[in-house]
Amino acid sequence: MRPCIALICLIGTLAAAPAVHAAGNPQIAGLQVALRAHGLYLAQIDGIAGPRTAAAVHAFQHRHGLPYGVANARLRAALGPLGRPLFGTRTLKHGDFGWDVSVLQFLLTRRGVYSGALDGYMGKETSAALKRYQRAMHLRADAVVGPRTLSAIVRRDAVPVRTHPVAVSSTVHVVRVGDTLTALAARFHTTIAALASMNRIDPAKPIVIGQRLRLPAAAPSLTPQRLDVRAMLDQWSARLGVDAHLVRALAWMESGYQTEIVSAAGARGVLQTLPTTRQYVETVLAGRDIPQSVDGDIEVGILYLKHLLQTFDGNERLALAGWYQGERAVQKHGLYKVTKPFVANVLALRQRM
C-alpha cells in the first residue's frame, strides 16, 4: 500500500504483528462508527479507508476547524466518547463504551459470532458474542478483553494497537502551468493553510511546475452525510422539552444516526418511527401534517417519546419500554423479556451520549 495513495492508514503496529488484512484495518471501523455518530459517514462499516471515509474525515475536520491530514488525539477528542480510546489500550468489559468497543464489535461480526449493532456499547449481546469467540479460541470465556484475549485477536486479525495517529493522506498532484495554492485550495475544497501544512511548505512562496503536492481526496457529493444529526436531535429536544441525552441514546440505538434507513417493518429515519406512529403523532399529538424529512422524522420521534414520558409520569424505563413494545402492552403486561435489554442499553448510553 503506497502511503501517498492510501486515503487512511493506521501508523504503527505491534512489532511482531502481521500485515493488516486486505479486508480493511479494524481500527478504521472504529473511526467510521464515530463519524457515523456525527452524521458524516452513512456507508457500510467495513474498516476500509475508501473515499467516503476520507470525505467524512475531511468534513469533520472542516466543521471543527481542525487541520487536514491526521486523525490524531485532537481529532479523536473532538469526536467525543466514540472517538477514544483506540482498541488495545485498555481492558474491555461489560458496560464500556467507545472506539475500541466498536472495533471489537466489527471483529466479532467478521468472525460470525455477533449480529448486533455496531454502536460502541458493550452490552449483553456484545459480551455474549465475545464469550463465543473466546470459547472458539480456547480462552477463558469471561467476556473481558484482557491480555490473553487481546493477544489472540491481534494475532488472528492483525489489529494495529499502538496509540499512533490515523493519517489521512490522499492523492498526489503534480503542479502544472497555471496552478497556484489558491486555485488548488478552491478546487479541492480546502484552504491554503491546510495545503501548506500537509506539504510542509511556506504558503508565501510560489509553487513550481513539476512539484508534487499532497492534496485532500475530493469528497464525493454525499448530501445526507452533511447533516449534523446530533445537532438536529439536540435542537428538537430543546424545542420540545425532552432530555437531549436520552434522545441521543435512543436515536443511536435505533439507527446509529443514519437518516435514510428503513426497517423491514417500515420504520424510518433516525428514530425509526413506524408509519402508524407518525399518523398518531400527526393526528393526535401535533394536530397537523409534519414534513417527510429528516427534521420531520426527528420531530415525530421526539413528540412520541415526550408523550410516552408524560403517560408514564416521567419514568424513562417505562417510556422506553412503551417505545419498544407499545404503550398498551406495557400498561397491560409490563416489560417483555426482549424489551429489557433494549431499555437497559439506552439508559446506559444516556450517560455517555
Protein backbone atom coordinates (compact mmCIF):
# COMPACT_ATOMS: atom_id res chain seq x y z
CA MET A 1 0.00 0.00 0.00
CA ARG A 2 1.69 3.23 -1.15
CA PRO A 3 1.45 5.84 1.64
CA CYS A 4 0.74 8.74 -0.69
CA ILE A 5 -2.16 6.96 -2.33
CA ALA A 6 -3.82 5.35 0.68
CA LEU A 7 -6.64 7.52 1.95
CA ILE A 8 -6.41 6.41 5.54
CA CYS A 9 -3.97 4.08 7.28
CA LEU A 10 -3.14 3.44 10.89
CA ILE A 11 0.50 4.29 11.52
CA GLY A 12 2.34 1.87 13.75
CA THR A 13 1.58 -1.73 14.68
CA LEU A 14 2.89 -4.25 17.13
CA ALA A 15 6.45 -5.10 16.23
CA ALA A 16 5.54 -8.71 15.59
CA ALA A 17 2.06 -8.11 14.13
CA PRO A 18 1.38 -9.47 10.65
CA ALA A 19 0.18 -7.23 7.85
CA VAL A 20 -3.34 -5.84 8.07
CA HIS A 21 -5.87 -7.93 6.18
CA ALA A 22 -6.83 -6.75 2.73
CA ALA A 23 -10.41 -6.63 4.04
CA GLY A 24 -9.50 -3.50 5.94
CA ASN A 25 -7.99 -2.11 9.09
CA PRO A 26 -10.29 -2.85 12.06
CA GLN A 27 -9.24 0.39 13.77
CA ILE A 28 -10.76 2.26 10.82
CA ALA A 29 -14.10 0.65 11.67
CA GLY A 30 -13.94 2.48 15.00
CA LEU A 31 -13.33 5.74 13.15
CA GLN A 32 -16.27 5.06 10.84
CA VAL A 33 -18.64 4.41 13.76
CA ALA A 34 -17.52 7.63 15.45
CA LEU A 35 -18.05 9.60 12.23
CA ARG A 36 -21.47 8.00 11.81
CA ALA A 37 -22.41 9.34 15.24
CA HIS A 38 -21.88 12.82 13.81
CA GLY A 39 -23.96 12.09 10.71
CA LEU A 40 -20.90 12.25 8.47
CA TYR A 41 -20.49 8.62 7.42
CA LEU A 42 -23.50 6.64 6.26
CA ALA A 43 -21.82 3.88 4.27
CA GLN A 44 -21.06 0.35 5.45
CA ILE A 45 -18.83 -0.06 8.48
CA ASP A 46 -16.13 -2.09 6.74
CA GLY A 47 -12.77 -0.92 8.09
CA ILE A 48 -11.75 0.10 4.57
CA ALA A 49 -10.24 3.53 4.05
CA GLY A 50 -12.25 4.46 1.00
CA PRO A 51 -13.27 7.86 -0.39
CA ARG A 52 -16.44 8.04 1.72
CA THR A 53 -14.41 7.66 4.90
CA ALA A 54 -11.94 10.28 3.73
CA ALA A 55 -14.77 12.62 2.81
CA ALA A 56 -16.32 12.20 6.25
CA VAL A 57 -12.99 12.85 7.99
CA HIS A 58 -12.37 15.98 5.93
CA ALA A 59 -15.92 17.21 6.57
CA PHE A 60 -15.48 16.73 10.32
CA GLN A 61 -12.10 18.47 10.30
CA HIS A 62 -13.55 21.38 8.35
CA ARG A 63 -16.55 21.65 10.68
CA HIS A 64 -14.37 21.74 13.78
CA GLY A 65 -11.54 23.85 12.42
CA LEU A 66 -9.02 21.01 12.60
CA PRO A 67 -6.07 20.65 10.21
CA TYR A 68 -6.50 18.20 7.36
CA GLY A 69 -4.39 15.09 7.13
CA VAL A 70 -4.13 13.47 10.56
CA ALA A 71 -6.80 11.84 12.70
CA ASN A 72 -4.75 12.30 15.85
CA ALA A 73 -5.67 12.55 19.52
CA ARG A 74 -7.04 16.05 18.97
CA LEU A 75 -9.48 14.87 16.30
CA ARG A 76 -10.45 11.80 18.32
CA ALA A 77 -11.18 14.00 21.33
CA ALA A 78 -13.38 16.21 19.16
CA LEU A 79 -15.30 13.10 18.04
CA GLY A 80 -16.49 12.65 21.62
CA PRO A 81 -16.95 9.40 23.59
CA LEU A 82 -16.81 7.24 20.46
CA GLY A 83 -13.52 8.81 19.38
CA ARG A 84 -11.44 7.07 22.03
CA PRO A 85 -9.75 5.01 23.24
CA LEU A 86 -8.10 3.08 20.42
CA PHE A 87 -8.52 -0.67 20.52
CA GLY A 88 -5.87 -2.37 22.64
CA THR A 89 -5.25 0.46 25.10
CA ARG A 90 -7.48 -0.77 27.93
CA THR A 91 -9.12 -3.90 29.27
CA LEU A 92 -12.62 -4.12 27.83
CA LYS A 93 -15.54 -5.33 29.91
CA HIS A 94 -19.32 -5.17 30.10
CA GLY A 95 -20.65 -1.62 30.19
CA ASP A 96 -17.70 0.00 28.39
CA PHE A 97 -18.34 2.48 25.59
CA GLY A 98 -16.03 3.84 22.94
CA TRP A 99 -13.99 3.43 19.77
CA ASP A 100 -12.41 0.20 20.99
CA VAL A 101 -15.82 -1.43 21.58
CA SER A 102 -16.83 -0.52 18.03
CA VAL A 103 -13.67 -2.22 16.77
CA LEU A 104 -14.40 -5.30 18.87
CA GLN A 105 -17.96 -5.49 17.52
CA PHE A 106 -16.65 -5.18 13.96
CA LEU A 107 -14.20 -8.04 14.55
CA LEU A 108 -16.82 -10.25 16.19
CA THR A 109 -19.17 -9.57 13.27
CA ARG A 110 -16.46 -10.52 10.80
CA ARG A 111 -15.91 -13.74 12.71
CA GLY A 112 -19.62 -14.58 12.50
CA VAL A 113 -20.29 -14.59 16.25
CA TYR A 114 -22.06 -11.23 16.51
CA SER A 115 -25.01 -9.86 14.54
CA GLY A 116 -25.97 -6.86 16.62
CA ALA A 117 -25.46 -3.16 16.14
CA LEU A 118 -22.04 -1.57 15.74
CA ASP A 119 -22.81 1.06 18.35
CA GLY A 120 -19.68 1.14 20.52
CA TYR A 121 -21.51 -0.14 23.60
CA MET A 122 -20.51 -3.39 25.26
CA GLY A 123 -23.90 -4.62 26.31
CA LYS A 124 -25.24 -8.13 26.78
CA GLU A 125 -25.20 -9.06 23.09
CA THR A 126 -21.60 -7.99 22.60
CA SER A 127 -20.49 -9.72 25.81
CA ALA A 128 -22.23 -12.94 24.77
CA ALA A 129 -20.58 -12.78 21.34
CA LEU A 130 -17.18 -12.24 22.94
CA LYS A 131 -17.73 -15.35 25.06
CA ARG A 132 -18.49 -17.34 21.91
CA TYR A 133 -15.28 -16.07 20.35
CA GLN A 134 -13.27 -16.89 23.46
CA ARG A 135 -14.63 -20.45 23.61
CA ALA A 136 -13.80 -20.94 19.93
CA MET A 137 -10.25 -19.77 20.65
CA HIS A 138 -9.95 -21.98 23.76
CA LEU A 139 -9.71 -18.95 26.01
CA ARG A 140 -11.41 -18.30 29.31
CA ALA A 141 -14.95 -17.22 28.39
CA ASP A 142 -15.19 -14.29 30.79
CA ALA A 143 -16.42 -11.61 28.32
CA VAL A 144 -13.36 -9.50 29.11
CA VAL A 145 -10.75 -8.41 26.58
CA GLY A 146 -7.73 -8.84 28.81
CA PRO A 147 -4.14 -9.57 27.76
CA ARG A 148 -4.77 -13.14 26.56
CA THR A 149 -7.87 -12.33 24.54
CA LEU A 150 -6.26 -9.19 23.12
CA SER A 151 -3.19 -11.16 22.09
CA ALA A 152 -5.38 -13.75 20.35
CA ILE A 153 -7.31 -11.07 18.48
CA VAL A 154 -4.16 -9.24 17.40
CA ARG A 155 -2.56 -12.46 16.14
CA ARG A 156 -5.66 -13.61 14.31
CA ASP A 157 -6.93 -10.32 12.90
CA ALA A 158 -3.76 -8.23 12.67
CA VAL A 159 -5.19 -5.25 14.53
CA PRO A 160 -2.72 -2.37 14.94
CA VAL A 161 -2.84 -1.49 18.63
CA ARG A 162 -0.26 1.20 19.23
CA THR A 163 -1.67 4.63 20.01
CA HIS A 164 -0.42 6.38 16.90
CA PRO A 165 -2.47 8.83 14.85
CA VAL A 166 -4.62 7.77 11.94
CA ALA A 167 -3.10 9.54 8.96
CA VAL A 168 -5.46 10.85 6.33
CA SER A 169 -3.43 11.39 3.21
CA SER A 170 -4.73 11.50 -0.29
CA THR A 171 -3.82 11.79 -3.91
CA VAL A 172 -0.62 13.35 -5.18
CA HIS A 173 -0.92 16.28 -7.59
CA VAL A 174 1.93 17.28 -9.90
CA VAL A 175 1.94 21.06 -10.30
CA ARG A 176 1.13 22.19 -13.86
CA VAL A 177 1.25 25.52 -15.66
CA GLY A 178 -1.21 27.93 -14.07
CA ASP A 179 -1.53 26.08 -10.76
CA THR A 180 -1.44 28.16 -7.58
CA LEU A 181 -2.13 27.29 -3.97
CA THR A 182 -5.20 29.50 -4.11
CA ALA A 183 -6.60 27.69 -7.16
CA LEU A 184 -5.80 24.23 -5.78
CA ALA A 185 -7.40 25.08 -2.43
CA ALA A 186 -10.59 26.16 -4.19
CA ARG A 187 -10.62 23.09 -6.46
CA PHE A 188 -10.17 20.62 -3.63
CA HIS A 189 -12.44 22.42 -1.14
CA THR A 190 -9.68 23.11 1.37
CA THR A 191 -7.58 26.08 2.48
CA ILE A 192 -4.16 27.42 1.59
CA ALA A 193 -3.09 26.91 5.20
CA ALA A 194 -4.19 23.27 5.11
CA LEU A 195 -2.28 22.62 1.89
CA ALA A 196 0.81 24.30 3.31
CA SER A 197 0.54 22.23 6.49
CA MET A 198 0.04 18.94 4.61
CA ASN A 199 3.07 19.60 2.42
CA ARG A 200 5.25 21.48 4.93
CA ILE A 201 5.76 24.40 2.59
CA ASP A 202 5.76 28.16 3.01
CA PRO A 203 2.42 29.47 1.66
CA ALA A 204 4.09 32.81 0.84
CA LYS A 205 6.41 31.16 -1.67
CA PRO A 206 5.23 30.18 -5.18
CA ILE A 207 4.86 26.52 -6.14
CA VAL A 208 6.81 25.35 -9.19
CA ILE A 209 5.91 23.25 -12.20
CA GLY A 210 6.63 19.57 -11.55
CA GLN A 211 6.40 19.92 -7.78
CA ARG A 212 4.48 17.08 -6.12
CA LEU A 213 1.81 18.15 -3.62
CA ARG A 214 -0.36 16.07 -1.34
CA LEU A 215 -3.99 17.07 -1.73
CA PRO A 216 -7.06 16.01 0.25
CA ALA A 217 -9.15 13.44 -1.57
CA ALA A 218 -12.00 15.03 -3.44
CA ALA A 219 -15.08 14.49 -1.33
CA PRO A 220 -17.94 12.85 -3.22
CA SER A 221 -21.23 14.67 -3.16
CA LEU A 222 -22.99 12.92 -0.31
CA THR A 223 -25.76 15.25 0.80
CA PRO A 224 -27.08 13.08 3.67
CA GLN A 225 -23.60 12.93 5.18
CA ARG A 226 -23.52 16.70 5.52
CA LEU A 227 -26.32 16.70 8.07
CA ASP A 228 -25.28 17.24 11.67
CA VAL A 229 -27.73 14.71 13.04
CA ARG A 230 -26.69 15.12 16.65
CA ALA A 231 -27.18 18.88 16.49
CA MET A 232 -30.63 18.35 14.97
CA LEU A 233 -31.55 15.94 17.75
CA ASP A 234 -30.38 18.47 20.33
CA GLN A 235 -32.34 21.31 18.73
CA TRP A 236 -35.60 19.37 18.66
CA SER A 237 -35.03 18.03 22.17
CA ALA A 238 -34.63 21.57 23.48
CA ARG A 239 -37.62 22.82 21.50
CA LEU A 240 -39.89 20.02 22.75
CA GLY A 241 -38.53 19.83 26.29
CA VAL A 242 -37.11 16.32 26.26
CA ASP A 243 -33.70 15.40 27.69
CA ALA A 244 -31.20 15.55 24.82
CA HIS A 245 -29.02 12.78 26.24
CA LEU A 246 -31.96 10.39 26.33
CA VAL A 247 -32.91 11.31 22.76
CA ARG A 248 -29.33 10.87 21.53
CA ALA A 249 -29.05 7.45 23.16
CA LEU A 250 -32.39 6.30 21.75
CA ALA A 251 -31.52 7.51 18.25
CA TRP A 252 -28.12 5.84 18.41
CA MET A 253 -29.63 2.51 19.45
CA GLU A 254 -32.32 2.72 16.77
CA SER A 255 -30.32 3.83 13.74
CA GLY A 256 -26.76 4.83 14.62
CA TYR A 257 -27.82 8.35 13.48
CA GLN A 258 -28.46 7.11 9.95
CA THR A 259 -31.08 9.22 8.25
CA GLU A 260 -32.30 7.09 5.37
CA ILE A 261 -32.60 3.52 6.63
CA VAL A 262 -35.96 1.76 6.55
CA SER A 263 -36.57 -1.37 8.62
CA ALA A 264 -38.37 -4.48 7.39
CA ALA A 265 -41.43 -3.29 9.34
CA GLY A 266 -41.34 0.10 7.62
CA ALA A 267 -39.81 2.13 10.45
CA ARG A 268 -37.98 5.11 9.03
CA GLY A 269 -35.30 7.64 9.82
CA VAL A 270 -33.04 8.47 12.70
CA LEU A 271 -35.53 7.39 15.37
CA GLN A 272 -37.05 4.57 13.33
CA THR A 273 -40.69 5.54 13.74
CA LEU A 274 -43.40 3.43 12.12
CA PRO A 275 -45.97 4.92 9.73
CA THR A 276 -48.68 4.21 12.33
CA THR A 277 -46.66 6.16 14.90
CA ARG A 278 -46.31 9.10 12.53
CA GLN A 279 -50.06 9.04 11.84
CA TYR A 280 -50.81 9.04 15.59
CA VAL A 281 -48.39 11.91 16.23
CA GLU A 282 -49.77 14.00 13.36
CA THR A 283 -53.46 13.43 14.08
CA VAL A 284 -53.48 13.27 17.89
CA LEU A 285 -50.34 14.87 19.32
CA ALA A 286 -49.46 17.57 16.79
CA GLY A 287 -52.77 18.13 15.02
CA ARG A 288 -51.03 18.86 11.72
CA ASP A 289 -49.03 17.25 8.96
CA ILE A 290 -45.31 17.01 9.64
CA PRO A 291 -42.87 17.16 6.71
CA GLN A 292 -41.46 13.89 5.37
CA SER A 293 -37.88 14.97 6.00
CA VAL A 294 -35.03 14.31 8.41
CA ASP A 295 -36.25 17.21 10.56
CA GLY A 296 -39.79 15.91 10.36
CA ASP A 297 -38.81 12.36 11.28
CA ILE A 298 -36.91 13.64 14.32
CA GLU A 299 -39.82 15.84 15.38
CA VAL A 300 -42.24 12.91 15.11
CA GLY A 301 -40.00 10.65 17.15
CA ILE A 302 -39.36 13.15 19.94
CA LEU A 303 -43.03 14.14 20.14
CA TYR A 304 -43.93 10.48 20.60
CA LEU A 305 -41.20 9.97 23.21
CA LYS A 306 -42.45 13.05 25.06
CA HIS A 307 -45.96 11.57 25.02
CA LEU A 308 -44.68 8.31 26.49
CA LEU A 309 -42.76 10.11 29.22
CA GLN A 310 -45.92 12.01 30.15
CA THR A 311 -48.01 8.83 30.05
CA PHE A 312 -45.65 7.05 32.43
CA ASP A 313 -45.17 10.05 34.75
CA GLY A 314 -41.59 10.69 33.67
CA ASN A 315 -40.46 7.10 34.21
CA GLU A 316 -37.84 6.72 31.49
CA ARG A 317 -37.65 2.94 31.84
CA LEU A 318 -41.38 2.51 31.18
CA ALA A 319 -41.39 5.15 28.45
CA LEU A 320 -38.60 3.36 26.59
CA ALA A 321 -40.41 0.06 27.05
CA GLY A 322 -43.52 1.68 25.55
CA TRP A 323 -41.40 2.85 22.64
CA TYR A 324 -40.08 -0.67 22.05
CA GLN A 325 -43.11 -2.90 22.66
CA GLY A 326 -46.05 -0.49 22.63
CA GLU A 327 -47.69 1.72 25.22
CA ARG A 328 -50.69 -0.52 25.87
CA ALA A 329 -48.59 -3.67 26.11
CA VAL A 330 -46.51 -2.09 28.87
CA GLN A 331 -49.61 -0.99 30.76
CA LYS A 332 -51.16 -4.44 30.46
CA HIS A 333 -48.18 -6.80 30.74
CA GLY A 334 -45.19 -4.81 31.96
CA LEU A 335 -41.84 -5.20 30.23
CA TYR A 336 -41.40 -8.16 27.92
CA LYS A 337 -38.21 -10.14 28.31
CA VAL A 338 -36.95 -8.97 24.91
CA THR A 339 -37.63 -5.36 25.87
CA LYS A 340 -35.44 -5.28 28.96
CA PRO A 341 -32.02 -5.38 27.19
CA PHE A 342 -33.08 -2.56 24.86
CA VAL A 343 -34.19 -0.37 27.74
CA ALA A 344 -31.05 -1.15 29.75
CA ASN A 345 -28.79 -0.33 26.79
CA VAL A 346 -30.46 3.02 26.08
CA LEU A 347 -30.32 4.05 29.75
CA ALA A 348 -26.67 3.02 29.96
CA LEU A 349 -25.84 5.08 26.87
CA ARG A 350 -27.85 8.03 28.17
CA GLN A 351 -24.98 8.96 30.45
CA ARG A 352 -22.44 8.80 27.63
CA MET A 353 -24.15 10.41 24.66
